[in-house]
Amino acid sequence: MMKILVWLFRILLFVALFGLAIKNDRVVELRFYFDNAWQVPLSLVVLLAFAAGAAVGLTGALTTLARQWRELGQMRARLKQDGKDGA
């Protein structure tokens, strides 16, 4: 039953986001430095901003996880060394 509810939620979310993308299909102009400009659909701008935010968030999470894994490895090595010394 839970799997059906999850898939129903996914389908509804997809339909809602797809409808949002269709409603926001107008072309917007992104202006950069040195008189550079791109003309892209608004839905693409929103998608790229979301993807960039997700990438930054994942990078932050992965750096924290890498630090924790390194500390855990050091603690395990210390415990293994203490176990050999104490025996």
PDB file of N, CA and C in Angstrom:
ATOM      1  N   MET A   1       0.821  -1.196   0.000  1.00  0.00           N
ATOM      2  CA  MET A   1       0.000   0.000   0.000  1.00  0.00           C
ATOM      3  C   MET A   1       0.869   1.266   0.000  1.00  0.00           C
ATOM      4  N   MET A   2       1.964   1.204   0.778  1.00  0.00           N
ATOM      5  CA  MET A   2       2.843   2.371   0.869  1.00  0.00           C
ATOM      6  C   MET A   2       3.522   2.649  -0.466  1.00  0.00           C
ATOM      7  N   LYS A   3       3.895   1.569  -1.186  1.00  0.00           N
ATOM      8  CA  LYS A   3       4.529   1.750  -2.495  1.00  0.00           C
ATOM      9  C   LYS A   3       3.583   2.439  -3.466  1.00  0.00           C
ATOM     10  N   ILE A   4       2.330   2.120  -3.398  1.00  0.00           N
ATOM     11  CA  ILE A   4       1.339   2.744  -4.279  1.00  0.00           C
ATOM     12  C   ILE A   4       1.211   4.223  -3.959  1.00  0.00           C
ATOM     13  N   LEU A   5       1.187   4.554  -2.673  1.00  0.00           N
ATOM     14  CA  LEU A   5       1.104   5.960  -2.279  1.00  0.00           C
ATOM     15  C   LEU A   5       2.347   6.744  -2.713  1.00  0.00           C
ATOM     16  N   VAL A   6       3.509   6.131  -2.589  1.00  0.00           N
ATOM     17  CA  VAL A   6       4.746   6.796  -3.010  1.00  0.00           C
ATOM     18  C   VAL A   6       4.724   7.045  -4.514  1.00  0.00           C
ATOM     19  N   TRP A   7       4.320   6.051  -5.301  1.00  0.00           N
ATOM     20  CA  TRP A   7       4.257   6.234  -6.750  1.00  0.00           C
ATOM     21  C   TRP A   7       3.194   7.253  -7.137  1.00  0.00           C
ATOM     22  N   LEU A   8       2.086   7.273  -6.433  1.00  0.00           N
ATOM     23  CA  LEU A   8       1.052   8.267  -6.697  1.00  0.00           C
ATOM     24  C   LEU A   8       1.581   9.669  -6.412  1.00  0.00           C
ATOM     25  N   PHE A   9       2.310   9.819  -5.314  1.00  0.00           N
ATOM     26  CA  PHE A   9       2.915  11.109  -4.993  1.00  0.00           C
ATOM     27  C   PHE A   9       3.921  11.525  -6.062  1.00  0.00           C
ATOM     28  N   ARG A  10       4.738  10.593  -6.520  1.00  0.00           N
ATOM     29  CA  ARG A  10       5.716  10.897  -7.573  1.00  0.00           C
ATOM     30  C   ARG A  10       5.031  11.343  -8.859  1.00  0.00           C
ATOM     31  N   ILE A  11       3.970  10.651  -9.221  1.00  0.00           N
ATOM     32  CA  ILE A  11       3.242  11.010 -10.449  1.00  0.00           C
ATOM     33  C   ILE A  11       2.621  12.391 -10.316  1.00  0.00           C
ATOM     34  N   LEU A  12       2.000  12.664  -9.174  1.00  0.00           N
ATOM     35  CA  LEU A  12       1.391  13.978  -8.961  1.00  0.00           C
ATOM     36  C   LEU A  12       2.442  15.087  -8.958  1.00  0.00           C
ATOM     37  N   LEU A  13       3.587  14.824  -8.349  1.00  0.00           N
ATOM     38  CA  LEU A  13       4.671  15.804  -8.344  1.00  0.00           C
ATOM     39  C   LEU A  13       5.189  16.055  -9.759  1.00  0.00           C
ATOM     40  N   PHE A  14       5.344  15.000 -10.535  1.00  0.00           N
ATOM     41  CA  PHE A  14       5.795  15.152 -11.921  1.00  0.00           C
ATOM     42  C   PHE A  14       4.804  15.965 -12.735  1.00  0.00           C
ATOM     43  N   VAL A  15       3.531  15.662 -12.607  1.00  0.00           N
ATOM     44  CA  VAL A  15       2.497  16.393 -13.356  1.00  0.00           C
ATOM     45  C   VAL A  15       2.488  17.865 -12.945  1.00  0.00           C
ATOM     46  N   ALA A  16       2.612  18.133 -11.653  1.00  0.00           N
ATOM     47  CA  ALA A  16       2.622  19.519 -11.184  1.00  0.00           C
ATOM     48  C   ALA A  16       3.837  20.274 -11.714  1.00  0.00           C
ATOM     49  N   LEU A  17       5.008  19.660 -11.651  1.00  0.00           N
ATOM     50  CA  LEU A  17       6.211  20.326 -12.139  1.00  0.00           C
ATOM     51  C   LEU A  17       6.215  20.457 -13.658  1.00  0.00           C
ATOM     52  N   PHE A  18       5.685  19.468 -14.344  1.00  0.00           N
ATOM     53  CA  PHE A  18       5.578  19.545 -15.800  1.00  0.00           C
ATOM     54  C   PHE A  18       4.630  20.666 -16.201  1.00  0.00           C
ATOM     55  N   GLY A  19       3.525  20.782 -15.499  1.00  0.00           N
ATOM     56  CA  GLY A  19       2.590  21.879 -15.766  1.00  0.00           C
ATOM     57  C   GLY A  19       3.216  23.236 -15.487  1.00  0.00           C
ATOM     58  N   LEU A  20       4.003  23.319 -14.423  1.00  0.00           N
ATOM     59  CA  LEU A  20       4.711  24.559 -14.110  1.00  0.00           C
ATOM     60  C   LEU A  20       5.696  24.921 -15.222  1.00  0.00           C
ATOM     61  N   ALA A  21       6.396  23.927 -15.735  1.00  0.00           N
ATOM     62  CA  ALA A  21       7.347  24.174 -16.817  1.00  0.00           C
ATOM     63  C   ALA A  21       6.630  24.631 -18.085  1.00  0.00           C
ATOM     64  N   ILE A  22       5.491  24.054 -18.367  1.00  0.00           N
ATOM     65  CA  ILE A  22       4.738  24.452 -19.564  1.00  0.00           C
ATOM     66  C   ILE A  22       4.203  25.875 -19.416  1.00  0.00           C
ATOM     67  N   LYS A  23       3.738  26.220 -18.234  1.00  0.00           N
ATOM     68  CA  LYS A  23       3.210  27.565 -18.002  1.00  0.00           C
ATOM     69  C   LYS A  23       4.295  28.631 -18.069  1.00  0.00           C
ATOM     70  N   ASN A  24       5.536  28.264 -17.760  1.00  0.00           N
ATOM     71  CA  ASN A  24       6.645  29.215 -17.739  1.00  0.00           C
ATOM     72  C   ASN A  24       7.603  28.963 -18.903  1.00  0.00           C
ATOM     73  N   ASP A  25       7.048  28.890 -20.100  1.00  0.00           N
ATOM     74  CA  ASP A  25       7.878  28.590 -21.257  1.00  0.00           C
ATOM     75  C   ASP A  25       8.367  29.848 -21.980  1.00  0.00           C
ATOM     76  N   ARG A  26       8.088  30.995 -21.425  1.00  0.00           N
ATOM     77  CA  ARG A  26       8.536  32.231 -22.069  1.00  0.00           C
ATOM     78  C   ARG A  26      10.049  32.345 -22.004  1.00  0.00           C
ATOM     79  N   VAL A  27      10.575  33.040 -22.981  1.00  0.00           N
ATOM     80  CA  VAL A  27      12.015  33.234 -23.048  1.00  0.00           C
ATOM     81  C   VAL A  27      12.392  34.436 -22.198  1.00  0.00           C
ATOM     82  N   VAL A  28      13.414  34.229 -21.376  1.00  0.00           N
ATOM     83  CA  VAL A  28      13.942  35.322 -20.556  1.00  0.00           C
ATOM     84  C   VAL A  28      15.385  35.566 -20.982  1.00  0.00           C
ATOM     85  N   GLU A  29      15.849  36.762 -20.692  1.00  0.00           N
ATOM     86  CA  GLU A  29      17.212  37.115 -21.054  1.00  0.00           C
ATOM     87  C   GLU A  29      18.060  37.165 -19.791  1.00  0.00           C
ATOM     88  N   LEU A  30      19.099  36.362 -19.786  1.00  0.00           N
ATOM     89  CA  LEU A  30      20.054  36.373 -18.687  1.00  0.00           C
ATOM     90  C   LEU A  30      21.229  37.238 -19.109  1.00  0.00           C
ATOM     91  N   ARG A  31      21.454  38.286 -18.364  1.00  0.00           N
ATOM     92  CA  ARG A  31      22.536  39.209 -18.714  1.00  0.00           C
ATOM     93  C   ARG A  31      23.741  38.948 -17.824  1.00  0.00           C
ATOM     94  N   PHE A  32      24.891  38.826 -18.465  1.00  0.00           N
ATOM     95  CA  PHE A  32      26.149  38.583 -17.775  1.00  0.00           C
ATOM     96  C   PHE A  32      27.039  39.804 -17.928  1.00  0.00           C
ATOM     97  N   TYR A  33      28.251  39.667 -17.415  1.00  0.00           N
ATOM     98  CA  TYR A  33      29.215  40.747 -17.548  1.00  0.00           C
ATOM     99  C   TYR A  33      29.707  40.856 -18.992  1.00  0.00           C
ATOM    100  N   PHE A  34      30.284  41.986 -19.313  1.00  0.00           N
ATOM    101  CA  PHE A  34      30.865  42.265 -20.626  1.00  0.00           C
ATOM    102  C   PHE A  34      29.835  42.160 -21.748  1.00  0.00           C
ATOM    103  N   ASP A  35      28.615  42.579 -21.471  1.00  0.00           N
ATOM    104  CA  ASP A  35      27.511  42.612 -22.438  1.00  0.00           C
ATOM    105  C   ASP A  35      27.171  41.247 -23.042  1.00  0.00           C
ATOM    106  N   ASN A  36      27.420  40.195 -22.301  1.00  0.00           N
ATOM    107  CA  ASN A  36      26.994  38.868 -22.736  1.00  0.00           C
ATOM    108  C   ASN A  36      25.573  38.629 -22.259  1.00  0.00           C
ATOM    109  N   ALA A  37      24.767  37.971 -23.091  1.00  0.00           N
ATOM    110  CA  ALA A  37      23.385  37.669 -22.712  1.00  0.00           C
ATOM    111  C   ALA A  37      22.950  36.371 -23.372  1.00  0.00           C
ATOM    112  N   TRP A  38      22.152  35.615 -22.640  1.00  0.00           N
ATOM    113  CA  TRP A  38      21.550  34.388 -23.168  1.00  0.00           C
ATOM    114  C   TRP A  38      20.049  34.550 -23.130  1.00  0.00           C
ATOM    115  N   GLN A  39      19.397  34.000 -24.124  1.00  0.00           N
ATOM    116  CA  GLN A  39      17.936  33.959 -24.112  1.00  0.00           C
ATOM    117  C   GLN A  39      17.533  32.496 -23.987  1.00  0.00           C
ATOM    118  N   VAL A  40      16.955  32.171 -22.828  1.00  0.00           N
ATOM    119  CA  VAL A  40      16.579  30.795 -22.526  1.00  0.00           C
ATOM    120  C   VAL A  40      15.190  30.770 -21.905  1.00  0.00           C
ATOM    121  N   PRO A  41      14.492  29.632 -21.978  1.00  0.00           N
ATOM    122  CA  PRO A  41      13.182  29.518 -21.326  1.00  0.00           C
ATOM    123  C   PRO A  41      13.308  29.638 -19.807  1.00  0.00           C
ATOM    124  N   LEU A  42      12.313  30.247 -19.200  1.00  0.00           N
ATOM    125  CA  LEU A  42      12.314  30.447 -17.749  1.00  0.00           C
ATOM    126  C   LEU A  42      12.378  29.121 -17.001  1.00  0.00           C
ATOM    127  N   SER A  43      11.688  28.098 -17.493  1.00  0.00           N
ATOM    128  CA  SER A  43      11.707  26.795 -16.817  1.00  0.00           C
ATOM    129  C   SER A  43      13.115  26.211 -16.794  1.00  0.00           C
ATOM    130  N   LEU A  44      13.901  26.472 -17.827  1.00  0.00           N
ATOM    131  CA  LEU A  44      15.278  25.988 -17.843  1.00  0.00           C
ATOM    132  C   LEU A  44      16.124  26.735 -16.818  1.00  0.00           C
ATOM    133  N   VAL A  45      15.888  28.017 -16.669  1.00  0.00           N
ATOM    134  CA  VAL A  45      16.609  28.800 -15.665  1.00  0.00           C
ATOM    135  C   VAL A  45      16.300  28.272 -14.262  1.00  0.00           C
ATOM    136  N   VAL A  46      15.045  27.988 -13.997  1.00  0.00           N
ATOM    137  CA  VAL A  46      14.651  27.460 -12.684  1.00  0.00           C
ATOM    138  C   VAL A  46      15.278  26.089 -12.462  1.00  0.00           C
ATOM    139  N   LEU A  47      15.262  25.243 -13.485  1.00  0.00           N
ATOM    140  CA  LEU A  47      15.853  23.911 -13.376  1.00  0.00           C
ATOM    141  C   LEU A  47      17.355  23.997 -13.114  1.00  0.00           C
ATOM    142  N   LEU A  48      18.045  24.871 -13.821  1.00  0.00           N
ATOM    143  CA  LEU A  48      19.484  25.026 -13.618  1.00  0.00           C
ATOM    144  C   LEU A  48      19.805  25.579 -12.228  1.00  0.00           C
ATOM    145  N   ALA A  49      18.984  26.506 -11.744  1.00  0.00           N
ATOM    146  CA  ALA A  49      19.202  27.049 -10.405  1.00  0.00           C
ATOM    147  C   ALA A  49      18.990  25.955  -9.352  1.00  0.00           C
ATOM    148  N   PHE A  50      17.989  25.120  -9.534  1.00  0.00           N
ATOM    149  CA  PHE A  50      17.743  24.004  -8.620  1.00  0.00           C
ATOM    150  C   PHE A  50      18.911  23.022  -8.649  1.00  0.00           C
ATOM    151  N   ALA A  51      19.374  22.674  -9.847  1.00  0.00           N
ATOM    152  CA  ALA A  51      20.480  21.725  -9.979  1.00  0.00           C
ATOM    153  C   ALA A  51      21.756  22.283  -9.344  1.00  0.00           C
ATOM    154  N   ALA A  52      22.010  23.574  -9.528  1.00  0.00           N
ATOM    155  CA  ALA A  52      23.192  24.183  -8.926  1.00  0.00           C
ATOM    156  C   ALA A  52      23.096  24.154  -7.403  1.00  0.00           C
ATOM    157  N   GLY A  53      21.936  24.443  -6.857  1.00  0.00           N
ATOM    158  CA  GLY A  53      21.740  24.396  -5.409  1.00  0.00           C
ATOM    159  C   GLY A  53      21.897  22.988  -4.865  1.00  0.00           C
ATOM    160  N   ALA A  54      21.364  22.008  -5.587  1.00  0.00           N
ATOM    161  CA  ALA A  54      21.513  20.616  -5.157  1.00  0.00           C
ATOM    162  C   ALA A  54      22.974  20.193  -5.196  1.00  0.00           C
ATOM    163  N   ALA A  55      23.703  20.613  -6.217  1.00  0.00           N
ATOM    164  CA  ALA A  55      25.122  20.268  -6.322  1.00  0.00           C
ATOM    165  C   ALA A  55      25.923  20.882  -5.178  1.00  0.00           C
ATOM    166  N   VAL A  56      25.633  22.123  -4.841  1.00  0.00           N
ATOM    167  CA  VAL A  56      26.333  22.777  -3.725  1.00  0.00           C
ATOM    168  C   VAL A  56      26.003  22.066  -2.415  1.00  0.00           C
ATOM    169  N   GLY A  57      24.746  21.722  -2.212  1.00  0.00           N
ATOM    170  CA  GLY A  57      24.351  21.010  -0.996  1.00  0.00           C
ATOM    171  C   GLY A  57      24.995  19.642  -0.892  1.00  0.00           C
ATOM    172  N   LEU A  58      25.042  18.890  -1.994  1.00  0.00           N
ATOM    173  CA  LEU A  58      25.679  17.581  -1.974  1.00  0.00           C
ATOM    174  C   LEU A  58      27.177  17.693  -1.733  1.00  0.00           C
ATOM    175  N   THR A  59      27.803  18.699  -2.308  1.00  0.00           N
ATOM    176  CA  THR A  59      29.231  18.902  -2.079  1.00  0.00           C
ATOM    177  C   THR A  59      29.512  19.163  -0.602  1.00  0.00           C
ATOM    178  N   GLY A  60      28.692  19.986   0.005  1.00  0.00           N
ATOM    179  CA  GLY A  60      28.853  20.251   1.432  1.00  0.00           C
ATOM    180  C   GLY A  60      28.651  19.002   2.270  1.00  0.00           C
ATOM    181  N   ALA A  61      27.655  18.198   1.905  1.00  0.00           N
ATOM    182  CA  ALA A  61      27.396  16.973   2.652  1.00  0.00           C
ATOM    183  C   ALA A  61      28.517  15.964   2.462  1.00  0.00           C
ATOM    184  N   LEU A  62      29.044  15.866   1.246  1.00  0.00           N
ATOM    185  CA  LEU A  62      30.104  14.892   0.990  1.00  0.00           C
ATOM    186  C   LEU A  62      31.404  15.268   1.691  1.00  0.00           C
ATOM    187  N   THR A  63      31.691  16.550   1.785  1.00  0.00           N
ATOM    188  CA  THR A  63      32.905  16.936   2.502  1.00  0.00           C
ATOM    189  C   THR A  63      32.775  16.600   3.990  1.00  0.00           C
ATOM    190  N   THR A  64      31.600  16.797   4.542  1.00  0.00           N
ATOM    191  CA  THR A  64      31.382  16.438   5.948  1.00  0.00           C
ATOM    192  C   THR A  64      31.488  14.933   6.143  1.00  0.00           C
ATOM    193  N   LEU A  65      30.905  14.162   5.240  1.00  0.00           N
ATOM    194  CA  LEU A  65      30.987  12.708   5.341  1.00  0.00           C
ATOM    195  C   LEU A  65      32.426  12.219   5.193  1.00  0.00           C
ATOM    196  N   ALA A  66      33.179  12.805   4.267  1.00  0.00           N
ATOM    197  CA  ALA A  66      34.574  12.402   4.076  1.00  0.00           C
ATOM    198  C   ALA A  66      35.385  12.668   5.343  1.00  0.00           C
ATOM    199  N   ARG A  67      35.161  13.798   5.983  1.00  0.00           N
ATOM    200  CA  ARG A  67      35.868  14.112   7.224  1.00  0.00           C
ATOM    201  C   ARG A  67      35.509  13.103   8.316  1.00  0.00           C
ATOM    202  N   GLN A  68      34.218  12.762   8.415  1.00  0.00           N
ATOM    203  CA  GLN A  68      33.785  11.805   9.428  1.00  0.00           C
ATOM    204  C   GLN A  68      34.350  10.413   9.164  1.00  0.00           C
ATOM    205  N   TRP A  69      34.401  10.009   7.879  1.00  0.00           N
ATOM    206  CA  TRP A  69      34.977   8.702   7.537  1.00  0.00           C
ATOM    207  C   TRP A  69      36.458   8.665   7.908  1.00  0.00           C
ATOM    208  N   ARG A  70      37.173   9.755   7.645  1.00  0.00           N
ATOM    209  CA  ARG A  70      38.592   9.821   7.977  1.00  0.00           C
ATOM    210  C   ARG A  70      38.788   9.717   9.495  1.00  0.00           C
ATOM    211  N   GLU A  71      37.996  10.447  10.261  1.00  0.00           N
ATOM    212  CA  GLU A  71      38.090  10.393  11.724  1.00  0.00           C
ATOM    213  C   GLU A  71      37.747   8.997  12.239  1.00  0.00           C
ATOM    214  N   LEU A  72      36.747   8.369  11.645  1.00  0.00           N
ATOM    215  CA  LEU A  72      36.361   7.018  12.059  1.00  0.00           C
ATOM    216  C   LEU A  72      37.486   6.035  11.778  1.00  0.00           C
ATOM    217  N   GLY A  73      38.138   6.157  10.631  1.00  0.00           N
ATOM    218  CA  GLY A  73      39.273   5.294  10.320  1.00  0.00           C
ATOM    219  C   GLY A  73      40.411   5.484  11.300  1.00  0.00           C
ATOM    220  N   GLN A  74      40.668   6.725  11.680  1.00  0.00           N
ATOM    221  CA  GLN A  74      41.726   6.997  12.665  1.00  0.00           C
ATOM    222  C   GLN A  74      41.376   6.399  14.019  1.00  0.00           C
ATOM    223  N   MET A  75      40.115   6.510  14.416  1.00  0.00           N
ATOM    224  CA  MET A  75      39.689   5.943  15.702  1.00  0.00           C
ATOM    225  C   MET A  75      39.775   4.431  15.691  1.00  0.00           C
ATOM    226  N   ARG A  76      39.408   3.806  14.583  1.00  0.00           N
ATOM    227  CA  ARG A  76      39.497   2.341  14.489  1.00  0.00           C
ATOM    228  C   ARG A  76      40.954   1.892  14.561  1.00  0.00           C
ATOM    229  N   ALA A  77      41.825   2.628  13.882  1.00  0.00           N
ATOM    230  CA  ALA A  77      43.251   2.281  13.919  1.00  0.00           C
ATOM    231  C   ALA A  77      43.791   2.427  15.335  1.00  0.00           C
ATOM    232  N   ARG A  78      43.365   3.464  16.044  1.00  0.00           N
ATOM    233  CA  ARG A  78      43.803   3.680  17.411  1.00  0.00           C
ATOM    234  C   ARG A  78      43.303   2.562  18.328  1.00  0.00           C
ATOM    235  N   LEU A  79      42.037   2.152  18.134  1.00  0.00           N
ATOM    236  CA  LEU A  79      41.499   1.057  18.940  1.00  0.00           C
ATOM    237  C   LEU A  79      42.223  -0.246  18.660  1.00  0.00           C
ATOM    238  N   LYS A  80      42.543  -0.497  17.390  1.00  0.00           N
ATOM    239  CA  LYS A  80      43.245  -1.721  17.033  1.00  0.00           C
ATOM    240  C   LYS A  80      44.648  -1.725  17.646  1.00  0.00           C
ATOM    241  N   GLN A  81      45.296  -0.559  17.633  1.00  0.00           N
ATOM    242  CA  GLN A  81      46.630  -0.451  18.205  1.00  0.00           C
ATOM    243  C   GLN A  81      46.580  -0.622  19.728  1.00  0.00           C
ATOM    244  N   ASP A  82      45.573  -0.025  20.373  1.00  0.00           N
ATOM    245  CA  ASP A  82      45.425  -0.164  21.827  1.00  0.00           C
ATOM    246  C   ASP A  82      45.138  -1.609  22.204  1.00  0.00           C
ATOM    247  N   GLY A  83      44.407  -2.310  21.371  1.00  0.00           N
ATOM    248  CA  GLY A  83      44.108  -3.710  21.640  1.00  0.00           C
ATOM    249  C   GLY A  83      45.349  -4.578  21.578  1.00  0.00           C
ATOM    250  N   LYS A  84      46.275  -4.272  20.677  1.00  0.00           N
ATOM    251  CA  LYS A  84      47.516  -5.042  20.573  1.00  0.00           C
ATOM    252  C   LYS A  84      48.437  -4.740  21.742  1.00  0.00           C
ATOM    253  N   ASP A  85      48.474  -3.482  22.173  1.00  0.00           N
ATOM    254  CA  ASP A  85      49.338  -3.091  23.290  1.00  0.00           C
ATOM    255  C   ASP A  85      48.856  -3.697  24.609  1.00  0.00           C
ATOM    256  N   GLY A  86      47.543  -3.779  24.786  1.00  0.00           N
ATOM    257  CA  GLY A  86      46.992  -4.233  26.046  1.00  0.00           C
ATOM    258  C   GLY A  86      47.015  -5.739  26.191  1.00  0.00           C
ATOM    259  N   ALA A  87      47.152  -6.492  25.111  1.00  0.00           N
ATOM    260  CA  ALA A  87      47.094  -7.952  25.181  1.00  0.00           C
ATOM    261  C   ALA A  87      48.369  -8.606  25.554  1.00  0.00           C
TER     262      ALA A  87
END
